[in-house]
Amino acid sequence: MGGHHEVMTVPQLAEYLQCNKSTIYRLIKKGEIPAFKVGADWRFKRDVIEDWLRQQHRKSTRREE
């Protein structure tokens, strides 16, 4: 499986975003990152995360103006 339909786990997303897994869990707890559960485990759709990243970038760019 590849491309924009890829589903990532917490460790995979942490690596993709180059951050700690605890950061991912904190964002989930605050409801700040799009995620869904499969059983007891969190998952993330790559295309949805990429859209979220673009929105985060726009927000931070607006704050700098």
N, C-alpha and C. Protein backbone atom coordinates (compact mmCIF):
# COMPACT_ATOMS: atom_id res chain seq x y z
N MET A 1 0.86 -1.18 0.00
CA MET A 1 0.00 0.00 0.00
C MET A 1 0.90 1.23 0.00
N GLY A 2 0.56 2.22 -0.81
CA GLY A 2 1.35 3.43 -0.84
C GLY A 2 0.52 4.58 -1.33
N GLY A 3 1.19 5.67 -1.59
CA GLY A 3 0.49 6.83 -2.11
C GLY A 3 -0.29 7.55 -1.05
N HIS A 4 -1.25 8.34 -1.51
CA HIS A 4 -1.98 9.21 -0.59
C HIS A 4 -3.03 8.49 0.24
N HIS A 5 -3.30 7.21 -0.02
CA HIS A 5 -4.29 6.47 0.77
C HIS A 5 -3.63 5.71 1.93
N GLU A 6 -2.34 5.88 2.08
CA GLU A 6 -1.60 5.18 3.11
C GLU A 6 -2.13 5.52 4.50
N VAL A 7 -2.18 4.51 5.36
CA VAL A 7 -2.58 4.68 6.75
C VAL A 7 -1.33 4.48 7.60
N MET A 8 -1.11 5.39 8.54
CA MET A 8 0.09 5.35 9.38
C MET A 8 -0.26 5.09 10.83
N THR A 9 0.67 4.48 11.54
CA THR A 9 0.56 4.26 12.98
C THR A 9 1.19 5.47 13.69
N VAL A 10 1.08 5.50 15.01
CA VAL A 10 1.70 6.59 15.79
C VAL A 10 3.21 6.64 15.54
N PRO A 11 3.94 5.51 15.65
CA PRO A 11 5.38 5.59 15.40
C PRO A 11 5.72 6.06 13.97
N GLN A 12 4.96 5.60 12.99
CA GLN A 12 5.19 6.02 11.61
C GLN A 12 4.94 7.51 11.44
N LEU A 13 3.86 8.02 12.05
CA LEU A 13 3.55 9.44 11.94
C LEU A 13 4.60 10.28 12.66
N ALA A 14 5.05 9.82 13.82
CA ALA A 14 6.09 10.54 14.55
C ALA A 14 7.35 10.65 13.69
N GLU A 15 7.70 9.57 13.01
CA GLU A 15 8.87 9.61 12.13
C GLU A 15 8.63 10.56 10.96
N TYR A 16 7.45 10.47 10.37
CA TYR A 16 7.09 11.33 9.23
C TYR A 16 7.15 12.81 9.61
N LEU A 17 6.65 13.14 10.80
CA LEU A 17 6.64 14.53 11.27
C LEU A 17 7.93 14.92 11.99
N GLN A 18 8.80 13.95 12.18
CA GLN A 18 10.07 14.16 12.89
C GLN A 18 9.83 14.75 14.28
N CYS A 19 8.97 14.06 15.03
CA CYS A 19 8.69 14.47 16.40
C CYS A 19 8.58 13.23 17.27
N ASN A 20 8.41 13.44 18.55
CA ASN A 20 8.30 12.34 19.50
C ASN A 20 6.89 11.76 19.49
N LYS A 21 6.78 10.47 19.77
CA LYS A 21 5.45 9.83 19.84
C LYS A 21 4.57 10.52 20.88
N SER A 22 5.17 10.99 21.98
CA SER A 22 4.37 11.65 23.02
C SER A 22 3.72 12.92 22.49
N THR A 23 4.37 13.58 21.55
CA THR A 23 3.78 14.77 20.92
C THR A 23 2.52 14.38 20.15
N ILE A 24 2.57 13.27 19.45
CA ILE A 24 1.41 12.79 18.69
C ILE A 24 0.27 12.48 19.65
N TYR A 25 0.56 11.76 20.74
CA TYR A 25 -0.49 11.42 21.71
C TYR A 25 -1.09 12.68 22.34
N ARG A 26 -0.26 13.68 22.60
CA ARG A 26 -0.77 14.94 23.17
C ARG A 26 -1.71 15.63 22.19
N LEU A 27 -1.34 15.65 20.91
CA LEU A 27 -2.20 16.26 19.88
C LEU A 27 -3.53 15.51 19.76
N ILE A 28 -3.48 14.18 19.86
CA ILE A 28 -4.71 13.37 19.81
C ILE A 28 -5.59 13.72 21.00
N LYS A 29 -5.01 13.75 22.19
CA LYS A 29 -5.78 14.02 23.41
C LYS A 29 -6.47 15.38 23.34
N LYS A 30 -5.80 16.38 22.76
CA LYS A 30 -6.37 17.72 22.63
C LYS A 30 -7.33 17.83 21.44
N GLY A 31 -7.40 16.77 20.62
CA GLY A 31 -8.26 16.81 19.44
C GLY A 31 -7.72 17.72 18.35
N GLU A 32 -6.42 17.92 18.32
CA GLU A 32 -5.81 18.86 17.39
C GLU A 32 -5.28 18.22 16.12
N ILE A 33 -5.29 16.89 16.05
CA ILE A 33 -4.79 16.21 14.86
C ILE A 33 -5.84 15.18 14.42
N PRO A 34 -6.09 15.08 13.11
CA PRO A 34 -7.09 14.11 12.64
C PRO A 34 -6.59 12.67 12.80
N ALA A 35 -7.36 11.89 13.54
CA ALA A 35 -6.97 10.51 13.83
C ALA A 35 -8.22 9.66 13.99
N PHE A 36 -8.03 8.36 13.86
CA PHE A 36 -9.14 7.43 14.12
C PHE A 36 -8.57 6.17 14.75
N LYS A 37 -9.43 5.44 15.41
CA LYS A 37 -8.98 4.23 16.10
C LYS A 37 -9.33 2.98 15.30
N VAL A 38 -8.41 2.03 15.35
CA VAL A 38 -8.65 0.68 14.87
C VAL A 38 -8.40 -0.19 16.09
N GLY A 39 -9.48 -0.67 16.68
CA GLY A 39 -9.36 -1.37 17.96
C GLY A 39 -8.91 -0.37 19.01
N ALA A 40 -7.78 -0.65 19.65
CA ALA A 40 -7.25 0.24 20.68
C ALA A 40 -6.15 1.17 20.14
N ASP A 41 -5.83 1.01 18.86
CA ASP A 41 -4.69 1.74 18.27
C ASP A 41 -5.13 2.90 17.40
N TRP A 42 -4.39 4.00 17.49
CA TRP A 42 -4.65 5.18 16.67
C TRP A 42 -4.03 5.02 15.29
N ARG A 43 -4.76 5.55 14.28
CA ARG A 43 -4.28 5.52 12.90
C ARG A 43 -4.50 6.89 12.28
N PHE A 44 -3.75 7.16 11.21
CA PHE A 44 -3.78 8.45 10.54
C PHE A 44 -3.70 8.23 9.04
N LYS A 45 -4.61 8.86 8.29
CA LYS A 45 -4.55 8.78 6.84
C LYS A 45 -3.56 9.82 6.35
N ARG A 46 -2.61 9.38 5.56
CA ARG A 46 -1.54 10.27 5.10
C ARG A 46 -2.08 11.51 4.38
N ASP A 47 -3.06 11.33 3.48
CA ASP A 47 -3.58 12.49 2.74
C ASP A 47 -4.27 13.48 3.67
N VAL A 48 -4.96 12.99 4.71
CA VAL A 48 -5.62 13.86 5.68
C VAL A 48 -4.57 14.60 6.50
N ILE A 49 -3.51 13.91 6.89
CA ILE A 49 -2.42 14.55 7.65
C ILE A 49 -1.75 15.62 6.79
N GLU A 50 -1.55 15.35 5.52
CA GLU A 50 -0.93 16.35 4.64
C GLU A 50 -1.80 17.59 4.52
N ASP A 51 -3.12 17.42 4.44
CA ASP A 51 -4.04 18.57 4.43
C ASP A 51 -3.95 19.34 5.74
N TRP A 52 -3.91 18.60 6.86
CA TRP A 52 -3.79 19.21 8.18
C TRP A 52 -2.50 20.02 8.30
N LEU A 53 -1.41 19.46 7.78
CA LEU A 53 -0.12 20.17 7.81
C LEU A 53 -0.19 21.48 7.02
N ARG A 54 -0.85 21.44 5.87
CA ARG A 54 -1.00 22.68 5.08
C ARG A 54 -1.79 23.72 5.86
N GLN A 55 -2.85 23.30 6.54
CA GLN A 55 -3.65 24.22 7.36
C GLN A 55 -2.81 24.79 8.50
N GLN A 56 -2.01 23.95 9.15
CA GLN A 56 -1.15 24.41 10.24
C GLN A 56 -0.14 25.43 9.73
N HIS A 57 0.38 25.18 8.54
CA HIS A 57 1.36 26.10 7.96
C HIS A 57 0.70 27.45 7.67
N ARG A 58 -0.53 27.41 7.13
CA ARG A 58 -1.25 28.66 6.84
C ARG A 58 -1.51 29.44 8.13
N LYS A 59 -1.90 28.74 9.19
CA LYS A 59 -2.18 29.39 10.47
C LYS A 59 -0.92 30.06 11.01
N SER A 60 0.20 29.36 10.96
CA SER A 60 1.44 29.93 11.51
C SER A 60 1.94 31.08 10.64
N THR A 61 1.68 31.02 9.34
CA THR A 61 2.09 32.10 8.45
C THR A 61 1.27 33.35 8.73
N ARG A 62 -0.03 33.19 9.00
CA ARG A 62 -0.90 34.33 9.33
C ARG A 62 -0.47 35.00 10.63
N ARG A 63 -0.06 34.19 11.60
CA ARG A 63 0.37 34.75 12.89
C ARG A 63 1.63 35.60 12.74
N GLU A 64 2.47 35.28 11.76
CA GLU A 64 3.72 36.00 11.56
C GLU A 64 3.52 37.34 10.86
N GLU A 65 2.36 37.52 10.23
CA GLU A 65 2.11 38.77 9.47
C GLU A 65 1.87 39.94 10.39
